[in-house]
Amino acid sequence: KVEYKSIPWTSVQAFAVRSAGAVFDKDSEMMIWTDIMFEPQVGDDPPQPGMSYLEQDFRKDKVDLMAIHRYLSAKVLALSNDLLQSSGEVAPEVLTPSPPA
């Protein structure tokens, strides 16, 4: 079973990326903090604690973590400065692969 969630960019308050550490650390992480405090429920159920913190693990050496960081920076910082183009697109050079470490 796979769950997909959508979060409006305007709800993202902060983000972080963490690279894999030692030899035994097999993954890197992306963390996102939002202002979403409750998830609406269907029917008469009360709201559940929301998506105020999300974390995604990535397999080591399978993702360009710095490209993800650049993308999140372009989206979140542009929104906070109201600099996003009307299309909301990120400039192509933001997604250019990072040079090898």
PDB file of N, CA and C in Angstrom:
ATOM      1  N   LYS A   1       0.853  -1.169   0.000  1.00  0.00           N
ATOM      2  CA  LYS A   1       0.000   0.000   0.000  1.00  0.00           C
ATOM      3  C   LYS A   1       0.899   1.232   0.000  1.00  0.00           C
ATOM      4  N   VAL A   2       0.583   2.182  -0.869  1.00  0.00           N
ATOM      5  CA  VAL A   2       1.358   3.413  -0.980  1.00  0.00           C
ATOM      6  C   VAL A   2       0.417   4.589  -0.750  1.00  0.00           C
ATOM      7  N   GLU A   3       0.849   5.532   0.064  1.00  0.00           N
ATOM      8  CA  GLU A   3       0.053   6.725   0.318  1.00  0.00           C
ATOM      9  C   GLU A   3       0.740   7.929  -0.317  1.00  0.00           C
ATOM     10  N   TYR A   4      -0.013   8.711  -1.061  1.00  0.00           N
ATOM     11  CA  TYR A   4       0.499   9.923  -1.689  1.00  0.00           C
ATOM     12  C   TYR A   4      -0.164  11.118  -1.034  1.00  0.00           C
ATOM     13  N   LYS A   5       0.637  12.142  -0.733  1.00  0.00           N
ATOM     14  CA  LYS A   5       0.091  13.360  -0.128  1.00  0.00           C
ATOM     15  C   LYS A   5       0.543  14.561  -0.936  1.00  0.00           C
ATOM     16  N   SER A   6      -0.306  15.556  -0.992  1.00  0.00           N
ATOM     17  CA  SER A   6       0.021  16.820  -1.639  1.00  0.00           C
ATOM     18  C   SER A   6      -0.004  17.913  -0.590  1.00  0.00           C
ATOM     19  N   ILE A   7       0.991  18.773  -0.649  1.00  0.00           N
ATOM     20  CA  ILE A   7       1.091  19.877   0.305  1.00  0.00           C
ATOM     21  C   ILE A   7       1.253  21.166  -0.490  1.00  0.00           C
ATOM     22  N   PRO A   8       0.427  22.164  -0.235  1.00  0.00           N
ATOM     23  CA  PRO A   8       0.606  23.450  -0.931  1.00  0.00           C
ATOM     24  C   PRO A   8       1.940  24.091  -0.522  1.00  0.00           C
ATOM     25  N   TRP A   9       2.655  24.653  -1.492  1.00  0.00           N
ATOM     26  CA  TRP A   9       3.936  25.290  -1.181  1.00  0.00           C
ATOM     27  C   TRP A   9       3.778  26.375  -0.131  1.00  0.00           C
ATOM     28  N   THR A  10       2.635  27.039  -0.123  1.00  0.00           N
ATOM     29  CA  THR A  10       2.429  28.118   0.850  1.00  0.00           C
ATOM     30  C   THR A  10       2.381  27.599   2.283  1.00  0.00           C
ATOM     31  N   SER A  11       2.200  26.283   2.478  1.00  0.00           N
ATOM     32  CA  SER A  11       2.172  25.702   3.821  1.00  0.00           C
ATOM     33  C   SER A  11       3.549  25.303   4.336  1.00  0.00           C
ATOM     34  N   VAL A  12       4.537  25.233   3.451  1.00  0.00           N
ATOM     35  CA  VAL A  12       5.881  24.825   3.863  1.00  0.00           C
ATOM     36  C   VAL A  12       6.540  25.970   4.620  1.00  0.00           C
ATOM     37  N   GLN A  13       6.931  25.686   5.858  1.00  0.00           N
ATOM     38  CA  GLN A  13       7.562  26.689   6.713  1.00  0.00           C
ATOM     39  C   GLN A  13       9.079  26.586   6.717  1.00  0.00           C
ATOM     40  N   ALA A  14       9.589  25.365   6.638  1.00  0.00           N
ATOM     41  CA  ALA A  14      11.034  25.134   6.668  1.00  0.00           C
ATOM     42  C   ALA A  14      11.313  23.756   6.088  1.00  0.00           C
ATOM     43  N   PHE A  15      12.573  23.534   5.732  1.00  0.00           N
ATOM     44  CA  PHE A  15      12.981  22.232   5.223  1.00  0.00           C
ATOM     45  C   PHE A  15      14.443  22.002   5.573  1.00  0.00           C
ATOM     46  N   ALA A  16      14.853  20.760   5.484  1.00  0.00           N
ATOM     47  CA  ALA A  16      16.259  20.408   5.702  1.00  0.00           C
ATOM     48  C   ALA A  16      16.552  19.147   4.919  1.00  0.00           C
ATOM     49  N   VAL A  17      17.804  18.983   4.545  1.00  0.00           N
ATOM     50  CA  VAL A  17      18.268  17.732   3.952  1.00  0.00           C
ATOM     51  C   VAL A  17      19.460  17.264   4.772  1.00  0.00           C
ATOM     52  N   ARG A  18      19.610  15.957   4.899  1.00  0.00           N
ATOM     53  CA  ARG A  18      20.711  15.386   5.677  1.00  0.00           C
ATOM     54  C   ARG A  18      21.346  14.283   4.847  1.00  0.00           C
ATOM     55  N   SER A  19      22.626  14.428   4.597  1.00  0.00           N
ATOM     56  CA  SER A  19      23.324  13.411   3.810  1.00  0.00           C
ATOM     57  C   SER A  19      23.643  12.203   4.665  1.00  0.00           C
ATOM     58  N   ALA A  20      23.918  11.091   3.987  1.00  0.00           N
ATOM     59  CA  ALA A  20      24.297   9.870   4.693  1.00  0.00           C
ATOM     60  C   ALA A  20      25.626  10.114   5.400  1.00  0.00           C
ATOM     61  N   GLY A  21      25.763   9.528   6.568  1.00  0.00           N
ATOM     62  CA  GLY A  21      26.971   9.754   7.351  1.00  0.00           C
ATOM     63  C   GLY A  21      27.989   8.655   7.178  1.00  0.00           C
ATOM     64  N   ALA A  22      28.186   7.899   8.215  1.00  0.00           N
ATOM     65  CA  ALA A  22      29.227   6.885   8.266  1.00  0.00           C
ATOM     66  C   ALA A  22      28.938   5.733   7.296  1.00  0.00           C
ATOM     67  N   VAL A  23      29.851   4.809   7.246  1.00  0.00           N
ATOM     68  CA  VAL A  23      29.755   3.653   6.357  1.00  0.00           C
ATOM     69  C   VAL A  23      28.454   2.887   6.586  1.00  0.00           C
ATOM     70  N   PHE A  24      28.019   2.795   7.817  1.00  0.00           N
ATOM     71  CA  PHE A  24      26.826   2.015   8.133  1.00  0.00           C
ATOM     72  C   PHE A  24      25.531   2.790   7.930  1.00  0.00           C
ATOM     73  N   ASP A  25      25.632   4.092   7.691  1.00  0.00           N
ATOM     74  CA  ASP A  25      24.445   4.915   7.438  1.00  0.00           C
ATOM     75  C   ASP A  25      24.079   4.753   5.970  1.00  0.00           C
ATOM     76  N   LYS A  26      22.979   4.101   5.684  1.00  0.00           N
ATOM     77  CA  LYS A  26      22.618   3.726   4.320  1.00  0.00           C
ATOM     78  C   LYS A  26      21.694   4.715   3.614  1.00  0.00           C
ATOM     79  N   ASP A  27      21.283   5.776   4.301  1.00  0.00           N
ATOM     80  CA  ASP A  27      20.340   6.658   3.635  1.00  0.00           C
ATOM     81  C   ASP A  27      20.594   8.118   3.972  1.00  0.00           C
ATOM     82  N   SER A  28      20.000   8.973   3.132  1.00  0.00           N
ATOM     83  CA  SER A  28      19.971  10.406   3.392  1.00  0.00           C
ATOM     84  C   SER A  28      18.507  10.768   3.605  1.00  0.00           C
ATOM     85  N   GLU A  29      18.269  11.933   4.175  1.00  0.00           N
ATOM     86  CA  GLU A  29      16.896  12.305   4.516  1.00  0.00           C
ATOM     87  C   GLU A  29      16.558  13.711   4.039  1.00  0.00           C
ATOM     88  N   MET A  30      15.271  13.920   3.843  1.00  0.00           N
ATOM     89  CA  MET A  30      14.705  15.239   3.584  1.00  0.00           C
ATOM     90  C   MET A  30      13.611  15.446   4.623  1.00  0.00           C
ATOM     91  N   MET A  31      13.620  16.581   5.297  1.00  0.00           N
ATOM     92  CA  MET A  31      12.600  16.896   6.280  1.00  0.00           C
ATOM     93  C   MET A  31      11.889  18.180   5.849  1.00  0.00           C
ATOM     94  N   ILE A  32      10.577  18.206   6.035  1.00  0.00           N
ATOM     95  CA  ILE A  32       9.778  19.385   5.712  1.00  0.00           C
ATOM     96  C   ILE A  32       8.863  19.678   6.895  1.00  0.00           C
ATOM     97  N   TRP A  33       8.847  20.936   7.326  1.00  0.00           N
ATOM     98  CA  TRP A  33       7.943  21.393   8.377  1.00  0.00           C
ATOM     99  C   TRP A  33       6.890  22.279   7.732  1.00  0.00           C
ATOM    100  N   THR A  34       5.629  22.055   8.097  1.00  0.00           N
ATOM    101  CA  THR A  34       4.532  22.820   7.507  1.00  0.00           C
ATOM    102  C   THR A  34       3.690  23.473   8.611  1.00  0.00           C
ATOM    103  N   ASP A  35       2.732  24.281   8.176  1.00  0.00           N
ATOM    104  CA  ASP A  35       1.784  24.873   9.122  1.00  0.00           C
ATOM    105  C   ASP A  35       0.475  24.090   9.148  1.00  0.00           C
ATOM    106  N   ILE A  36       0.473  22.881   8.580  1.00  0.00           N
ATOM    107  CA  ILE A  36      -0.727  22.037   8.569  1.00  0.00           C
ATOM    108  C   ILE A  36      -0.788  21.282   9.887  1.00  0.00           C
ATOM    109  N   MET A  37      -1.752  21.616  10.712  1.00  0.00           N
ATOM    110  CA  MET A  37      -1.819  21.019  12.038  1.00  0.00           C
ATOM    111  C   MET A  37      -2.811  19.861  12.128  1.00  0.00           C
ATOM    112  N   PHE A  38      -3.828  19.840  11.300  1.00  0.00           N
ATOM    113  CA  PHE A  38      -4.836  18.787  11.366  1.00  0.00           C
ATOM    114  C   PHE A  38      -5.216  18.333   9.978  1.00  0.00           C
ATOM    115  N   GLU A  39      -5.462  17.046   9.831  1.00  0.00           N
ATOM    116  CA  GLU A  39      -5.963  16.490   8.586  1.00  0.00           C
ATOM    117  C   GLU A  39      -7.463  16.313   8.705  1.00  0.00           C
ATOM    118  N   PRO A  40      -8.223  16.844   7.767  1.00  0.00           N
ATOM    119  CA  PRO A  40      -9.678  16.648   7.834  1.00  0.00           C
ATOM    120  C   PRO A  40     -10.018  15.169   7.656  1.00  0.00           C
ATOM    121  N   GLN A  41     -11.083  14.741   8.287  1.00  0.00           N
ATOM    122  CA  GLN A  41     -11.532  13.356   8.196  1.00  0.00           C
ATOM    123  C   GLN A  41     -12.865  13.303   7.473  1.00  0.00           C
ATOM    124  N   VAL A  42     -13.145  12.172   6.880  1.00  0.00           N
ATOM    125  CA  VAL A  42     -14.411  11.958   6.195  1.00  0.00           C
ATOM    126  C   VAL A  42     -15.450  11.554   7.231  1.00  0.00           C
ATOM    127  N   GLY A  43     -16.634  12.077   7.115  1.00  0.00           N
ATOM    128  CA  GLY A  43     -17.705  11.708   8.029  1.00  0.00           C
ATOM    129  C   GLY A  43     -17.637  12.486   9.330  1.00  0.00           C
ATOM    130  N   ASP A  44     -18.027  11.820  10.408  1.00  0.00           N
ATOM    131  CA  ASP A  44     -18.113  12.477  11.710  1.00  0.00           C
ATOM    132  C   ASP A  44     -16.856  12.326  12.555  1.00  0.00           C
ATOM    133  N   ASP A  45     -15.813  11.704  12.006  1.00  0.00           N
ATOM    134  CA  ASP A  45     -14.586  11.514  12.772  1.00  0.00           C
ATOM    135  C   ASP A  45     -13.922  12.856  13.047  1.00  0.00           C
ATOM    136  N   PRO A  46     -13.334  13.031  14.226  1.00  0.00           N
ATOM    137  CA  PRO A  46     -12.633  14.284  14.523  1.00  0.00           C
ATOM    138  C   PRO A  46     -11.345  14.380  13.704  1.00  0.00           C
ATOM    139  N   PRO A  47     -10.833  15.608  13.506  1.00  0.00           N
ATOM    140  CA  PRO A  47      -9.581  15.759  12.764  1.00  0.00           C
ATOM    141  C   PRO A  47      -8.445  15.013  13.470  1.00  0.00           C
ATOM    142  N   GLN A  48      -7.518  14.487  12.683  1.00  0.00           N
ATOM    143  CA  GLN A  48      -6.356  13.785  13.207  1.00  0.00           C
ATOM    144  C   GLN A  48      -5.153  14.719  13.178  1.00  0.00           C
ATOM    145  N   PRO A  49      -4.160  14.470  14.047  1.00  0.00           N
ATOM    146  CA  PRO A  49      -2.931  15.282  13.967  1.00  0.00           C
ATOM    147  C   PRO A  49      -2.422  15.280  12.529  1.00  0.00           C
ATOM    148  N   GLY A  50      -1.975  16.429  12.090  1.00  0.00           N
ATOM    149  CA  GLY A  50      -1.698  16.615  10.674  1.00  0.00           C
ATOM    150  C   GLY A  50      -0.277  16.384  10.239  1.00  0.00           C
ATOM    151  N   MET A  51       0.067  17.052   9.170  1.00  0.00           N
ATOM    152  CA  MET A  51       1.350  16.895   8.518  1.00  0.00           C
ATOM    153  C   MET A  51       2.272  18.054   8.859  1.00  0.00           C
ATOM    154  N   SER A  52       2.425  18.355  10.130  1.00  0.00           N
ATOM    155  CA  SER A  52       3.287  19.472  10.491  1.00  0.00           C
ATOM    156  C   SER A  52       4.758  19.125  10.307  1.00  0.00           C
ATOM    157  N   TYR A  53       5.080  17.833  10.234  1.00  0.00           N
ATOM    158  CA  TYR A  53       6.451  17.382   9.997  1.00  0.00           C
ATOM    159  C   TYR A  53       6.413  16.153   9.102  1.00  0.00           C
ATOM    160  N   LEU A  54       7.173  16.210   8.021  1.00  0.00           N
ATOM    161  CA  LEU A  54       7.271  15.086   7.093  1.00  0.00           C
ATOM    162  C   LEU A  54       8.738  14.736   6.911  1.00  0.00           C
ATOM    163  N   GLU A  55       9.021  13.457   6.812  1.00  0.00           N
ATOM    164  CA  GLU A  55      10.399  13.018   6.578  1.00  0.00           C
ATOM    165  C   GLU A  55      10.399  11.967   5.483  1.00  0.00           C
ATOM    166  N   GLN A  56      11.359  12.083   4.571  1.00  0.00           N
ATOM    167  CA  GLN A  56      11.504  11.121   3.489  1.00  0.00           C
ATOM    168  C   GLN A  56      12.946  10.635   3.471  1.00  0.00           C
ATOM    169  N   ASP A  57      13.126   9.316   3.500  1.00  0.00           N
ATOM    170  CA  ASP A  57      14.458   8.724   3.408  1.00  0.00           C
ATOM    171  C   ASP A  57      14.775   8.416   1.954  1.00  0.00           C
ATOM    172  N   PHE A  58      16.040   8.584   1.592  1.00  0.00           N
ATOM    173  CA  PHE A  58      16.533   8.244   0.259  1.00  0.00           C
ATOM    174  C   PHE A  58      17.702   7.282   0.404  1.00  0.00           C
ATOM    175  N   ARG A  59      17.824   6.357  -0.514  1.00  0.00           N
ATOM    176  CA  ARG A  59      18.953   5.442  -0.490  1.00  0.00           C
ATOM    177  C   ARG A  59      20.232   6.193  -0.838  1.00  0.00           C
ATOM    178  N   LYS A  60      21.283   5.876  -0.116  1.00  0.00           N
ATOM    179  CA  LYS A  60      22.582   6.518  -0.313  1.00  0.00           C
ATOM    180  C   LYS A  60      23.036   6.361  -1.768  1.00  0.00           C
ATOM    181  N   ASP A  61      23.509   7.429  -2.357  1.00  0.00           N
ATOM    182  CA  ASP A  61      24.030   7.470  -3.726  1.00  0.00           C
ATOM    183  C   ASP A  61      22.976   7.201  -4.799  1.00  0.00           C
ATOM    184  N   LYS A  62      21.687   7.255  -4.466  1.00  0.00           N
ATOM    185  CA  LYS A  62      20.630   7.045  -5.456  1.00  0.00           C
ATOM    186  C   LYS A  62      19.873   8.330  -5.768  1.00  0.00           C
ATOM    187  N   VAL A  63      20.197   9.413  -5.073  1.00  0.00           N
ATOM    188  CA  VAL A  63      19.495  10.674  -5.281  1.00  0.00           C
ATOM    189  C   VAL A  63      20.507  11.821  -5.183  1.00  0.00           C
ATOM    190  N   ASP A  64      20.283  12.854  -5.977  1.00  0.00           N
ATOM    191  CA  ASP A  64      21.132  14.051  -5.909  1.00  0.00           C
ATOM    192  C   ASP A  64      20.552  14.962  -4.830  1.00  0.00           C
ATOM    193  N   LEU A  65      21.040  14.794  -3.620  1.00  0.00           N
ATOM    194  CA  LEU A  65      20.500  15.514  -2.470  1.00  0.00           C
ATOM    195  C   LEU A  65      20.649  17.027  -2.610  1.00  0.00           C
ATOM    196  N   MET A  66      21.746  17.478  -3.194  1.00  0.00           N
ATOM    197  CA  MET A  66      21.942  18.917  -3.357  1.00  0.00           C
ATOM    198  C   MET A  66      20.984  19.492  -4.398  1.00  0.00           C
ATOM    199  N   ALA A  67      20.593  18.713  -5.406  1.00  0.00           N
ATOM    200  CA  ALA A  67      19.587  19.173  -6.366  1.00  0.00           C
ATOM    201  C   ALA A  67      18.235  19.319  -5.667  1.00  0.00           C
ATOM    202  N   ILE A  68      17.923  18.393  -4.781  1.00  0.00           N
ATOM    203  CA  ILE A  68      16.686  18.501  -3.997  1.00  0.00           C
ATOM    204  C   ILE A  68      16.733  19.746  -3.126  1.00  0.00           C
ATOM    205  N   HIS A  69      17.868  19.991  -2.502  1.00  0.00           N
ATOM    206  CA  HIS A  69      18.025  21.183  -1.659  1.00  0.00           C
ATOM    207  C   HIS A  69      17.856  22.453  -2.486  1.00  0.00           C
ATOM    208  N   ARG A  70      18.486  22.505  -3.662  1.00  0.00           N
ATOM    209  CA  ARG A  70      18.350  23.690  -4.527  1.00  0.00           C
ATOM    210  C   ARG A  70      16.899  23.891  -4.950  1.00  0.00           C
ATOM    211  N   TYR A  71      16.221  22.798  -5.289  1.00  0.00           N
ATOM    212  CA  TYR A  71      14.821  22.890  -5.708  1.00  0.00           C
ATOM    213  C   TYR A  71      13.944  23.421  -4.578  1.00  0.00           C
ATOM    214  N   LEU A  72      14.083  22.833  -3.390  1.00  0.00           N
ATOM    215  CA  LEU A  72      13.291  23.300  -2.245  1.00  0.00           C
ATOM    216  C   LEU A  72      13.607  24.762  -1.925  1.00  0.00           C
ATOM    217  N   SER A  73      14.873  25.121  -1.995  1.00  0.00           N
ATOM    218  CA  SER A  73      15.257  26.514  -1.747  1.00  0.00           C
ATOM    219  C   SER A  73      14.588  27.450  -2.737  1.00  0.00           C
ATOM    220  N   ALA A  74      14.637  27.082  -4.007  1.00  0.00           N
ATOM    221  CA  ALA A  74      14.044  27.939  -5.033  1.00  0.00           C
ATOM    222  C   ALA A  74      12.547  28.106  -4.812  1.00  0.00           C
ATOM    223  N   LYS A  75      11.858  27.025  -4.482  1.00  0.00           N
ATOM    224  CA  LYS A  75      10.414  27.096  -4.283  1.00  0.00           C
ATOM    225  C   LYS A  75      10.037  27.831  -2.995  1.00  0.00           C
ATOM    226  N   VAL A  76      10.628  27.422  -1.878  1.00  0.00           N
ATOM    227  CA  VAL A  76      10.228  27.964  -0.575  1.00  0.00           C
ATOM    228  C   VAL A  76      10.701  29.401  -0.407  1.00  0.00           C
ATOM    229  N   LEU A  77      11.955  29.684  -0.741  1.00  0.00           N
ATOM    230  CA  LEU A  77      12.466  31.042  -0.559  1.00  0.00           C
ATOM    231  C   LEU A  77      11.815  32.017  -1.540  1.00  0.00           C
ATOM    232  N   ALA A  78      11.515  31.556  -2.736  1.00  0.00           N
ATOM    233  CA  ALA A  78      10.830  32.421  -3.695  1.00  0.00           C
ATOM    234  C   ALA A  78       9.440  32.769  -3.198  1.00  0.00           C
ATOM    235  N   LEU A  79       8.756  31.812  -2.611  1.00  0.00           N
ATOM    236  CA  LEU A  79       7.425  32.095  -2.071  1.00  0.00           C
ATOM    237  C   LEU A  79       7.500  33.088  -0.923  1.00  0.00           C
ATOM    238  N   SER A  80       8.487  32.907  -0.054  1.00  0.00           N
ATOM    239  CA  SER A  80       8.577  33.799   1.097  1.00  0.00           C
ATOM    240  C   SER A  80       8.952  35.217   0.676  1.00  0.00           C
ATOM    241  N   ASN A  81       9.621  35.350  -0.463  1.00  0.00           N
ATOM    242  CA  ASN A  81       9.983  36.676  -0.969  1.00  0.00           C
ATOM    243  C   ASN A  81       9.043  37.155  -2.067  1.00  0.00           C
ATOM    244  N   ASP A  82       8.007  36.338  -2.351  1.00  0.00           N
ATOM    245  CA  ASP A  82       7.038  36.656  -3.391  1.00  0.00           C
ATOM    246  C   ASP A  82       7.711  36.889  -4.740  1.00  0.00           C
ATOM    247  N   LEU A  83       8.731  36.064  -5.056  1.00  0.00           N
ATOM    248  CA  LEU A  83       9.471  36.217  -6.308  1.00  0.00           C
ATOM    249  C   LEU A  83       9.140  35.150  -7.341  1.00  0.00           C
ATOM    250  N   LEU A  84       8.216  34.248  -7.020  1.00  0.00           N
ATOM    251  CA  LEU A  84       7.885  33.194  -7.977  1.00  0.00           C
ATOM    252  C   LEU A  84       7.232  33.786  -9.211  1.00  0.00           C
ATOM    253  N   GLN A  85       7.623  33.261 -10.350  1.00  0.00           N
ATOM    254  CA  GLN A  85       6.958  33.668 -11.574  1.00  0.00           C
ATOM    255  C   GLN A  85       5.521  33.176 -11.503  1.00  0.00           C
ATOM    256  N   SER A  86       4.668  33.764 -12.296  1.00  0.00           N
ATOM    257  CA  SER A  86       3.253  33.375 -12.255  1.00  0.00           C
ATOM    258  C   SER A  86       3.065  31.888 -12.551  1.00  0.00           C
ATOM    259  N   SER A  87       3.993  31.279 -13.297  1.00  0.00           N
ATOM    260  CA  SER A  87       3.867  29.852 -13.609  1.00  0.00           C
ATOM    261  C   SER A  87       4.264  28.980 -12.426  1.00  0.00           C
ATOM    262  N   GLY A  88       5.026  29.529 -11.476  1.00  0.00           N
ATOM    263  CA  GLY A  88       5.472  28.747 -10.334  1.00  0.00           C
ATOM    264  C   GLY A  88       6.600  27.792 -10.658  1.00  0.00           C
ATOM    265  N   GLU A  89       7.181  27.907 -11.854  1.00  0.00           N
ATOM    266  CA  GLU A  89       8.245  27.000 -12.260  1.00  0.00           C
ATOM    267  C   GLU A  89       9.590  27.428 -11.702  1.00  0.00           C
ATOM    268  N   VAL A  90      10.437  26.448 -11.489  1.00  0.00           N
ATOM    269  CA  VAL A  90      11.797  26.688 -11.030  1.00  0.00           C
ATOM    270  C   VAL A  90      12.700  26.734 -12.253  1.00  0.00           C
ATOM    271  N   ALA A  91      13.656  27.649 -12.239  1.00  0.00           N
ATOM    272  CA  ALA A  91      14.575  27.784 -13.364  1.00  0.00           C
ATOM    273  C   ALA A  91      15.312  26.467 -13.622  1.00  0.00           C
ATOM    274  N   PRO A  92      15.524  26.091 -14.877  1.00  0.00           N
ATOM    275  CA  PRO A  92      16.166  24.812 -15.209  1.00  0.00           C
ATOM    276  C   PRO A  92      17.548  24.628 -14.581  1.00  0.00           C
ATOM    277  N   GLU A  93      18.313  25.713 -14.435  1.00  0.00           N
ATOM    278  CA  GLU A  93      19.662  25.573 -13.882  1.00  0.00           C
ATOM    279  C   GLU A  93      19.647  25.128 -12.414  1.00  0.00           C
ATOM    280  N   VAL A  94      18.532  25.304 -11.736  1.00  0.00           N
ATOM    281  CA  VAL A  94      18.423  24.848 -10.352  1.00  0.00           C
ATOM    282  C   VAL A  94      18.535  23.332 -10.282  1.00  0.00           C
ATOM    283  N   LEU A  95      18.035  22.647 -11.300  1.00  0.00           N
ATOM    284  CA  LEU A  95      18.017  21.184 -11.293  1.00  0.00           C
ATOM    285  C   LEU A  95      19.218  20.558 -11.993  1.00  0.00           C
ATOM    286  N   THR A  96      20.219  21.357 -12.341  1.00  0.00           N
ATOM    287  CA  THR A  96      21.442  20.825 -12.932  1.00  0.00           C
ATOM    288  C   THR A  96      22.099  19.890 -11.940  1.00  0.00           C
ATOM    289  N   PRO A  97      22.535  18.709 -12.379  1.00  0.00           N
ATOM    290  CA  PRO A  97      23.165  17.762 -11.446  1.00  0.00           C
ATOM    291  C   PRO A  97      24.353  18.375 -10.731  1.00  0.00           C
ATOM    292  N   SER A  98      24.527  18.004  -9.486  1.00  0.00           N
ATOM    293  CA  SER A  98      25.647  18.468  -8.682  1.00  0.00           C
ATOM    294  C   SER A  98      26.918  17.789  -9.169  1.00  0.00           C
ATOM    295  N   PRO A  99      28.053  18.489  -9.059  1.00  0.00           N
ATOM    296  CA  PRO A  99      29.316  17.839  -9.432  1.00  0.00           C
ATOM    297  C   PRO A  99      29.628  16.695  -8.465  1.00  0.00           C
ATOM    298  N   PRO A 100      30.353  15.684  -8.948  1.00  0.00           N
ATOM    299  CA  PRO A 100      30.687  14.550  -8.053  1.00  0.00           C
ATOM    300  C   PRO A 100      31.466  15.018  -6.834  1.00  0.00           C
ATOM    301  N   ALA A 101      31.233  14.338  -5.716  1.00  0.00           N
ATOM    302  CA  ALA A 101      31.902  14.712  -4.471  1.00  0.00           C
ATOM    303  C   ALA A 101      33.318  14.209  -4.438  1.00  0.00           C
TER     304      ALA A 101
END
